[in-house]
Amino acid sequence: MKIFPAIDIKDKKCVRLIRGDFSNKTEYQISPVDQAGKYKEHGFKNLHIVDLDGALTGKTVNLDIIQQIVHNFNLKIEVGGGIRTIDSIQKYTDIGVEKVILGSAAIKDKNFLEEACKKFSNKIALGLDAKDGYLSVSGWKENSNQLTLDFLKEVNDFGVSRLIYTDINRDGMKQSPNFEETINVANVSNCPVIISGGVSSIDDIKNAKGLKNIEGIIVGKAIYDGDISLDELIKEIDA
């Protein structure tokens, strides 16, 4: 079980959103680089980063901060947020990011997803963010009118190397992930799935273990708010 501590970057700060709502955000005093260093010190090997400015603008706004994190710490980093062109993917792979997460751009244009998977073998992660079974796009502000599982079946053979499934209704709410729907996604997916959204306690991590085709879990707000300590979380990687 891989554990991905999360860093969401907005205006060069670490923030957390409630259900993806930019008007309902909490800013934290620690910088993204220092937060990454904290994760590294505790022994974490993987890191989930979202460029929220990028999600709003469709550009690699915080590339410099992410590059600093890559260069300073030997972490396997997945990055998402507004990555809508081949050029943007190239920028992230060039600085040493392990996985580039495609969300809105992939859902709106399946050909783009297929091209990216061919050009960047084993580098593309697909971010599926769903609300009541339907995919949301553009920083969760638009409903795509596409059912999650229907879309997944259409792109399942493209060569995506990882799938990140987020239940938007659970994100930032600390009400436990939507395990039932995540299991449904994992049963269909040709690639391993990362659980995202709603982790509230160490029990959620324990419950994720042993699930079929689940590669890992993302933990964000529960760390920042002190509901899960990094010391207890790191034990679950090898436990």
C-alpha atoms as a PDB file:
ATOM      1  CA  MET A   1       0.000   0.000   0.000  1.00  0.00           C
ATOM      2  CA  LYS A   2       1.465   3.297  -1.113  1.00  0.00           C
ATOM      3  CA  ILE A   3       0.552   6.352   0.924  1.00  0.00           C
ATOM      4  CA  PHE A   4       0.528   9.694  -0.866  1.00  0.00           C
ATOM      5  CA  PRO A   5       0.588  12.679   1.478  1.00  0.00           C
ATOM      6  CA  ALA A   6      -0.953  15.595  -0.401  1.00  0.00           C
ATOM      7  CA  ILE A   7       0.181  19.117  -1.128  1.00  0.00           C
ATOM      8  CA  ASP A   8      -2.277  21.475  -2.844  1.00  0.00           C
ATOM      9  CA  ILE A   9      -0.623  24.707  -3.978  1.00  0.00           C
ATOM     10  CA  LYS A  10      -2.487  28.007  -4.355  1.00  0.00           C
ATOM     11  CA  ASP A  11      -0.785  31.409  -4.416  1.00  0.00           C
ATOM     12  CA  LYS A  12       2.466  29.633  -3.462  1.00  0.00           C
ATOM     13  CA  LYS A  13       0.901  28.350  -0.214  1.00  0.00           C
ATOM     14  CA  CYS A  14      -0.309  24.973   1.029  1.00  0.00           C
ATOM     15  CA  VAL A  15      -4.110  24.989   1.064  1.00  0.00           C
ATOM     16  CA  ARG A  16      -6.972  22.522   1.406  1.00  0.00           C
ATOM     17  CA  LEU A  17     -10.380  22.937  -0.202  1.00  0.00           C
ATOM     18  CA  ILE A  18     -13.762  21.627   0.889  1.00  0.00           C
ATOM     19  CA  ARG A  19     -15.318  19.652  -1.975  1.00  0.00           C
ATOM     20  CA  GLY A  20     -13.099  21.506  -4.428  1.00  0.00           C
ATOM     21  CA  ASP A  21     -14.667  24.871  -3.594  1.00  0.00           C
ATOM     22  CA  PHE A  22     -12.063  27.615  -4.060  1.00  0.00           C
ATOM     23  CA  SER A  23     -14.105  29.998  -1.890  1.00  0.00           C
ATOM     24  CA  ASN A  24     -14.013  27.479   0.957  1.00  0.00           C
ATOM     25  CA  LYS A  25     -10.308  26.995   1.498  1.00  0.00           C
ATOM     26  CA  THR A  26      -7.950  26.757   4.447  1.00  0.00           C
ATOM     27  CA  GLU A  27      -4.442  28.205   4.117  1.00  0.00           C
ATOM     28  CA  TYR A  28      -1.594  26.720   6.130  1.00  0.00           C
ATOM     29  CA  GLN A  29       1.495  28.583   7.317  1.00  0.00           C
ATOM     30  CA  ILE A  30       4.034  26.012   6.099  1.00  0.00           C
ATOM     31  CA  SER A  31       5.370  26.411   2.545  1.00  0.00           C
ATOM     32  CA  PRO A  32       4.890  23.606  -0.023  1.00  0.00           C
ATOM     33  CA  VAL A  33       8.657  22.955  -0.100  1.00  0.00           C
ATOM     34  CA  ASP A  34       8.902  22.742   3.705  1.00  0.00           C
ATOM     35  CA  GLN A  35       5.833  20.487   3.836  1.00  0.00           C
ATOM     36  CA  ALA A  36       7.427  18.148   1.279  1.00  0.00           C
ATOM     37  CA  GLY A  37      10.589  18.125   3.404  1.00  0.00           C
ATOM     38  CA  LYS A  38       8.522  17.147   6.429  1.00  0.00           C
ATOM     39  CA  TYR A  39       7.062  14.185   4.537  1.00  0.00           C
ATOM     40  CA  LYS A  40      10.535  13.156   3.390  1.00  0.00           C
ATOM     41  CA  GLU A  41      11.925  13.340   6.949  1.00  0.00           C
ATOM     42  CA  HIS A  42       9.203  10.984   8.151  1.00  0.00           C
ATOM     43  CA  GLY A  43      10.158   8.439   5.504  1.00  0.00           C
ATOM     44  CA  PHE A  44       7.437   8.832   2.897  1.00  0.00           C
ATOM     45  CA  LYS A  45       8.467   7.892  -0.641  1.00  0.00           C
ATOM     46  CA  ASN A  46       5.457   9.118  -2.621  1.00  0.00           C
ATOM     47  CA  LEU A  47       3.847  12.549  -2.892  1.00  0.00           C
ATOM     48  CA  HIS A  48       0.638  13.845  -4.487  1.00  0.00           C
ATOM     49  CA  ILE A  49       0.764  17.488  -5.641  1.00  0.00           C
ATOM     50  CA  VAL A  50      -2.047  19.539  -7.157  1.00  0.00           C
ATOM     51  CA  ASP A  51      -1.358  22.922  -8.748  1.00  0.00           C
ATOM     52  CA  LEU A  52      -4.668  24.606  -7.955  1.00  0.00           C
ATOM     53  CA  ASP A  53      -3.614  27.754  -9.818  1.00  0.00           C
ATOM     54  CA  GLY A  54      -2.963  25.492 -12.792  1.00  0.00           C
ATOM     55  CA  ALA A  55      -6.390  23.909 -12.427  1.00  0.00           C
ATOM     56  CA  LEU A  56      -7.953  27.373 -12.708  1.00  0.00           C
ATOM     57  CA  THR A  57      -5.788  28.676 -15.567  1.00  0.00           C
ATOM     58  CA  GLY A  58      -4.756  25.577 -17.544  1.00  0.00           C
ATOM     59  CA  LYS A  59      -1.078  26.505 -17.203  1.00  0.00           C
ATOM     60  CA  THR A  60       1.883  25.152 -15.221  1.00  0.00           C
ATOM     61  CA  VAL A  61       1.752  28.055 -12.742  1.00  0.00           C
ATOM     62  CA  ASN A  62       3.708  26.442  -9.906  1.00  0.00           C
ATOM     63  CA  LEU A  63       6.271  24.568 -11.984  1.00  0.00           C
ATOM     64  CA  ASP A  64       9.133  26.323 -10.164  1.00  0.00           C
ATOM     65  CA  ILE A  65       7.944  25.203  -6.709  1.00  0.00           C
ATOM     66  CA  ILE A  66       7.346  21.649  -7.909  1.00  0.00           C
ATOM     67  CA  GLN A  67      10.794  21.586  -9.532  1.00  0.00           C
ATOM     68  CA  GLN A  68      12.313  22.671  -6.214  1.00  0.00           C
ATOM     69  CA  ILE A  69      10.524  19.832  -4.413  1.00  0.00           C
ATOM     70  CA  VAL A  70      11.696  17.299  -7.029  1.00  0.00           C
ATOM     71  CA  HIS A  71      15.295  18.502  -6.805  1.00  0.00           C
ATOM     72  CA  ASN A  72      15.458  18.797  -3.013  1.00  0.00           C
ATOM     73  CA  PHE A  73      13.892  15.470  -2.073  1.00  0.00           C
ATOM     74  CA  ASN A  74      14.130  12.020  -3.597  1.00  0.00           C
ATOM     75  CA  LEU A  75      10.365  11.465  -3.755  1.00  0.00           C
ATOM     76  CA  LYS A  76       8.173   9.790  -6.362  1.00  0.00           C
ATOM     77  CA  ILE A  77       5.841  12.631  -7.243  1.00  0.00           C
ATOM     78  CA  GLU A  78       2.540  12.654  -9.109  1.00  0.00           C
ATOM     79  CA  VAL A  79       1.299  16.085 -10.231  1.00  0.00           C
ATOM     80  CA  GLY A  80      -2.085  17.273 -11.419  1.00  0.00           C
ATOM     81  CA  GLY A  81      -3.929  20.522 -11.989  1.00  0.00           C
ATOM     82  CA  GLY A  82      -4.696  22.094 -15.346  1.00  0.00           C
ATOM     83  CA  ILE A  83      -2.418  19.914 -17.482  1.00  0.00           C
ATOM     84  CA  ARG A  84      -4.021  20.264 -20.884  1.00  0.00           C
ATOM     85  CA  THR A  85      -1.231  20.077 -23.458  1.00  0.00           C
ATOM     86  CA  ILE A  86       1.572  17.734 -24.504  1.00  0.00           C
ATOM     87  CA  ASP A  87       3.975  20.598 -23.803  1.00  0.00           C
ATOM     88  CA  SER A  88       2.834  20.826 -20.164  1.00  0.00           C
ATOM     89  CA  ILE A  89       3.310  17.077 -19.702  1.00  0.00           C
ATOM     90  CA  GLN A  90       6.800  17.416 -21.188  1.00  0.00           C
ATOM     91  CA  LYS A  91       7.682  20.198 -18.733  1.00  0.00           C
ATOM     92  CA  TYR A  92       6.791  18.007 -15.780  1.00  0.00           C
ATOM     93  CA  THR A  93       8.546  14.885 -17.057  1.00  0.00           C
ATOM     94  CA  ASP A  94      11.627  16.979 -17.858  1.00  0.00           C
ATOM     95  CA  ILE A  95      11.945  18.070 -14.207  1.00  0.00           C
ATOM     96  CA  GLY A  96      11.643  14.486 -12.971  1.00  0.00           C
ATOM     97  CA  VAL A  97       7.989  14.089 -11.978  1.00  0.00           C
ATOM     98  CA  GLU A  98       7.109  10.378 -11.895  1.00  0.00           C
ATOM     99  CA  LYS A  99       3.442  10.598 -12.966  1.00  0.00           C
ATOM    100  CA  VAL A 100       1.510  13.383 -14.666  1.00  0.00           C
ATOM    101  CA  ILE A 101      -2.201  13.395 -13.840  1.00  0.00           C
ATOM    102  CA  LEU A 102      -4.615  14.230 -16.645  1.00  0.00           C
ATOM    103  CA  GLY A 103      -8.173  15.081 -15.671  1.00  0.00           C
ATOM    104  CA  SER A 104     -10.401  17.582 -17.463  1.00  0.00           C
ATOM    105  CA  ALA A 105      -8.386  17.588 -20.687  1.00  0.00           C
ATOM    106  CA  ALA A 106      -8.524  13.783 -20.903  1.00  0.00           C
ATOM    107  CA  ILE A 107     -12.254  13.646 -20.209  1.00  0.00           C
ATOM    108  CA  LYS A 108     -13.054  16.360 -22.744  1.00  0.00           C
ATOM    109  CA  ASP A 109     -10.728  14.910 -25.397  1.00  0.00           C
ATOM    110  CA  LYS A 110     -10.082  11.162 -25.323  1.00  0.00           C
ATOM    111  CA  ASN A 111      -7.712  11.505 -28.296  1.00  0.00           C
ATOM    112  CA  PHE A 112      -5.468  13.736 -26.180  1.00  0.00           C
ATOM    113  CA  LEU A 113      -5.357  11.077 -23.463  1.00  0.00           C
ATOM    114  CA  GLU A 114      -4.499   8.365 -25.974  1.00  0.00           C
ATOM    115  CA  GLU A 115      -1.756  10.489 -27.565  1.00  0.00           C
ATOM    116  CA  ALA A 116      -0.276  11.317 -24.149  1.00  0.00           C
ATOM    117  CA  CYS A 117      -0.198   7.652 -23.117  1.00  0.00           C
ATOM    118  CA  LYS A 118       1.641   6.718 -26.326  1.00  0.00           C
ATOM    119  CA  LYS A 119       4.152   9.557 -26.083  1.00  0.00           C
ATOM    120  CA  PHE A 120       4.809   9.256 -22.337  1.00  0.00           C
ATOM    121  CA  SER A 121       4.751   5.544 -21.631  1.00  0.00           C
ATOM    122  CA  ASN A 122       4.157   4.667 -17.963  1.00  0.00           C
ATOM    123  CA  LYS A 123       4.019   8.379 -17.033  1.00  0.00           C
ATOM    124  CA  ILE A 124       0.321   9.176 -17.385  1.00  0.00           C
ATOM    125  CA  ALA A 125      -2.130   8.918 -14.511  1.00  0.00           C
ATOM    126  CA  LEU A 126      -5.827   9.490 -15.133  1.00  0.00           C
ATOM    127  CA  GLY A 127      -7.685  11.570 -12.566  1.00  0.00           C
ATOM    128  CA  LEU A 128     -11.372  10.727 -12.424  1.00  0.00           C
ATOM    129  CA  ASP A 129     -13.241  13.111 -10.120  1.00  0.00           C
ATOM    130  CA  ALA A 130     -16.868  12.162  -9.673  1.00  0.00           C
ATOM    131  CA  LYS A 131     -19.991  13.549  -8.085  1.00  0.00           C
ATOM    132  CA  ASP A 132     -22.982  11.218  -7.724  1.00  0.00           C
ATOM    133  CA  GLY A 133     -21.463   8.879 -10.321  1.00  0.00           C
ATOM    134  CA  TYR A 134     -20.836  11.565 -12.954  1.00  0.00           C
ATOM    135  CA  LEU A 135     -17.423  12.993 -13.867  1.00  0.00           C
ATOM    136  CA  SER A 136     -16.700  16.641 -13.109  1.00  0.00           C
ATOM    137  CA  VAL A 137     -14.212  18.799 -15.020  1.00  0.00           C
ATOM    138  CA  SER A 138     -12.604  22.265 -15.002  1.00  0.00           C
ATOM    139  CA  GLY A 139     -11.669  22.450 -11.347  1.00  0.00           C
ATOM    140  CA  TRP A 140     -14.912  20.576 -10.473  1.00  0.00           C
ATOM    141  CA  LYS A 141     -16.999  23.502 -11.653  1.00  0.00           C
ATOM    142  CA  GLU A 142     -18.575  21.624 -14.602  1.00  0.00           C
ATOM    143  CA  ASN A 143     -20.447  18.349 -14.789  1.00  0.00           C
ATOM    144  CA  SER A 144     -19.388  16.389 -17.872  1.00  0.00           C
ATOM    145  CA  ASN A 145     -22.654  14.382 -18.041  1.00  0.00           C
ATOM    146  CA  GLN A 146     -20.481  11.281 -18.409  1.00  0.00           C
ATOM    147  CA  LEU A 147     -20.843   8.332 -16.073  1.00  0.00           C
ATOM    148  CA  THR A 148     -17.499   7.414 -14.519  1.00  0.00           C
ATOM    149  CA  LEU A 149     -17.595   3.728 -15.379  1.00  0.00           C
ATOM    150  CA  ASP A 150     -18.795   4.323 -18.951  1.00  0.00           C
ATOM    151  CA  PHE A 151     -15.900   6.715 -19.602  1.00  0.00           C
ATOM    152  CA  LEU A 152     -13.393   4.338 -18.015  1.00  0.00           C
ATOM    153  CA  LYS A 153     -14.498   1.473 -20.260  1.00  0.00           C
ATOM    154  CA  GLU A 154     -13.942   3.684 -23.326  1.00  0.00           C
ATOM    155  CA  VAL A 155     -10.334   4.566 -22.397  1.00  0.00           C
ATOM    156  CA  ASN A 156      -9.326   1.404 -20.546  1.00  0.00           C
ATOM    157  CA  ASP A 157      -6.988   0.179 -23.290  1.00  0.00           C
ATOM    158  CA  PHE A 158      -5.149   3.473 -23.875  1.00  0.00           C
ATOM    159  CA  GLY A 159      -2.243   2.577 -21.594  1.00  0.00           C
ATOM    160  CA  VAL A 160      -2.893   4.749 -18.539  1.00  0.00           C
ATOM    161  CA  SER A 161      -0.437   3.650 -15.829  1.00  0.00           C
ATOM    162  CA  ARG A 162      -2.442   4.741 -12.762  1.00  0.00           C
ATOM    163  CA  LEU A 163      -5.982   5.863 -12.004  1.00  0.00           C
ATOM    164  CA  ILE A 164      -6.847   8.314  -9.204  1.00  0.00           C
ATOM    165  CA  TYR A 165     -10.492   8.183  -8.201  1.00  0.00           C
ATOM    166  CA  THR A 166     -11.927  11.036  -6.122  1.00  0.00           C
ATOM    167  CA  ASP A 167     -15.440  11.282  -4.765  1.00  0.00           C
ATOM    168  CA  ILE A 168     -15.943  15.069  -4.717  1.00  0.00           C
ATOM    169  CA  ASN A 169     -18.681  14.860  -2.090  1.00  0.00           C
ATOM    170  CA  ARG A 170     -16.138  13.343   0.309  1.00  0.00           C
ATOM    171  CA  ASP A 171     -13.153  15.550  -0.556  1.00  0.00           C
ATOM    172  CA  GLY A 172     -11.955  17.612   2.386  1.00  0.00           C
ATOM    173  CA  MET A 173     -14.916  16.412   4.468  1.00  0.00           C
ATOM    174  CA  LYS A 174     -13.073  13.740   6.468  1.00  0.00           C
ATOM    175  CA  GLN A 175     -16.066  11.388   6.254  1.00  0.00           C
ATOM    176  CA  SER A 176     -14.060   8.389   4.975  1.00  0.00           C
ATOM    177  CA  PRO A 177     -13.521   7.640   1.272  1.00  0.00           C
ATOM    178  CA  ASN A 178     -16.262   6.196  -0.896  1.00  0.00           C
ATOM    179  CA  PHE A 179     -14.860   2.677  -0.769  1.00  0.00           C
ATOM    180  CA  GLU A 180     -17.873   1.110  -2.475  1.00  0.00           C
ATOM    181  CA  GLU A 181     -17.607   3.217  -5.622  1.00  0.00           C
ATOM    182  CA  THR A 182     -13.797   3.035  -5.624  1.00  0.00           C
ATOM    183  CA  ILE A 183     -14.009  -0.764  -5.579  1.00  0.00           C
ATOM    184  CA  ASN A 184     -16.417  -0.621  -8.547  1.00  0.00           C
ATOM    185  CA  VAL A 185     -13.879   1.517 -10.430  1.00  0.00           C
ATOM    186  CA  ALA A 186     -10.978  -0.763  -9.470  1.00  0.00           C
ATOM    187  CA  ASN A 187     -12.890  -3.819 -10.695  1.00  0.00           C
ATOM    188  CA  VAL A 188     -13.227  -2.247 -14.156  1.00  0.00           C
ATOM    189  CA  SER A 189      -9.842  -0.508 -14.431  1.00  0.00           C
ATOM    190  CA  ASN A 190      -6.963  -2.105 -16.342  1.00  0.00           C
ATOM    191  CA  CYS A 191      -4.480  -0.144 -14.210  1.00  0.00           C
ATOM    192  CA  PRO A 192      -4.057   0.162 -10.432  1.00  0.00           C
ATOM    193  CA  VAL A 193      -6.243   2.668  -8.588  1.00  0.00           C
ATOM    194  CA  ILE A 194      -5.422   5.304  -5.966  1.00  0.00           C
ATOM    195  CA  ILE A 195      -8.137   6.165  -3.416  1.00  0.00           C
ATOM    196  CA  SER A 196      -8.707   9.900  -2.959  1.00  0.00           C
ATOM    197  CA  GLY A 197     -11.065  12.107  -0.980  1.00  0.00           C
ATOM    198  CA  GLY A 198     -12.369  11.933   2.567  1.00  0.00           C
ATOM    199  CA  VAL A 199      -9.667  10.122   4.541  1.00  0.00           C
ATOM    200  CA  SER A 200     -10.484  10.840   8.174  1.00  0.00           C
ATOM    201  CA  SER A 201      -8.546   8.424  10.349  1.00  0.00           C
ATOM    202  CA  ILE A 202      -5.939   5.702  10.363  1.00  0.00           C
ATOM    203  CA  ASP A 203      -8.814   3.191  10.108  1.00  0.00           C
ATOM    204  CA  ASP A 204      -9.469   4.388   6.555  1.00  0.00           C
ATOM    205  CA  ILE A 205      -5.904   3.429   5.658  1.00  0.00           C
ATOM    206  CA  LYS A 206      -6.306   0.003   7.281  1.00  0.00           C
ATOM    207  CA  ASN A 207      -9.612  -0.535   5.426  1.00  0.00           C
ATOM    208  CA  ALA A 208      -7.939   0.255   2.098  1.00  0.00           C
ATOM    209  CA  LYS A 209      -5.360  -2.476   2.529  1.00  0.00           C
ATOM    210  CA  GLY A 210      -5.971  -5.724   0.764  1.00  0.00           C
ATOM    211  CA  LEU A 211      -8.541  -4.282  -1.650  1.00  0.00           C
ATOM    212  CA  LYS A 212      -8.145  -5.678  -5.148  1.00  0.00           C
ATOM    213  CA  ASN A 213      -6.325  -3.484  -7.694  1.00  0.00           C
ATOM    214  CA  ILE A 214      -5.839  -0.642  -5.166  1.00  0.00           C
ATOM    215  CA  GLU A 215      -2.287   0.716  -5.350  1.00  0.00           C
ATOM    216  CA  GLY A 216      -2.504   3.377  -2.661  1.00  0.00           C
ATOM    217  CA  ILE A 217      -4.347   6.169  -0.914  1.00  0.00           C
ATOM    218  CA  ILE A 218      -4.024   9.975  -0.794  1.00  0.00           C
ATOM    219  CA  VAL A 219      -4.131  11.707   2.591  1.00  0.00           C
ATOM    220  CA  GLY A 220      -4.495  15.485   2.825  1.00  0.00           C
ATOM    221  CA  LYS A 221      -6.671  17.452   5.228  1.00  0.00           C
ATOM    222  CA  ALA A 222      -6.510  14.804   7.974  1.00  0.00           C
ATOM    223  CA  ILE A 223      -2.726  15.376   8.141  1.00  0.00           C
ATOM    224  CA  TYR A 224      -2.942  19.168   8.185  1.00  0.00           C
ATOM    225  CA  ASP A 225      -5.684  19.200  10.825  1.00  0.00           C
ATOM    226  CA  GLY A 226      -3.838  16.722  13.038  1.00  0.00           C
ATOM    227  CA  ASP A 227      -6.379  13.887  12.803  1.00  0.00           C
ATOM    228  CA  ILE A 228      -3.641  11.561  11.566  1.00  0.00           C
ATOM    229  CA  SER A 229      -0.051  11.954  12.711  1.00  0.00           C
ATOM    230  CA  LEU A 230       2.751  11.346  10.237  1.00  0.00           C
ATOM    231  CA  ASP A 231       4.337   8.969  12.756  1.00  0.00           C
ATOM    232  CA  GLU A 232       1.296   6.667  12.796  1.00  0.00           C
ATOM    233  CA  LEU A 233       0.710   7.049   9.058  1.00  0.00           C
ATOM    234  CA  ILE A 234       4.222   5.959   8.051  1.00  0.00           C
ATOM    235  CA  LYS A 235       3.768   2.706   9.977  1.00  0.00           C
ATOM    236  CA  GLU A 236       0.924   1.715   7.650  1.00  0.00           C
ATOM    237  CA  ILE A 237       3.198   1.590   4.585  1.00  0.00           C
ATOM    238  CA  ASP A 238       5.055  -1.497   5.695  1.00  0.00           C
ATOM    239  CA  ALA A 239       2.588  -2.842   8.248  1.00  0.00           C
END
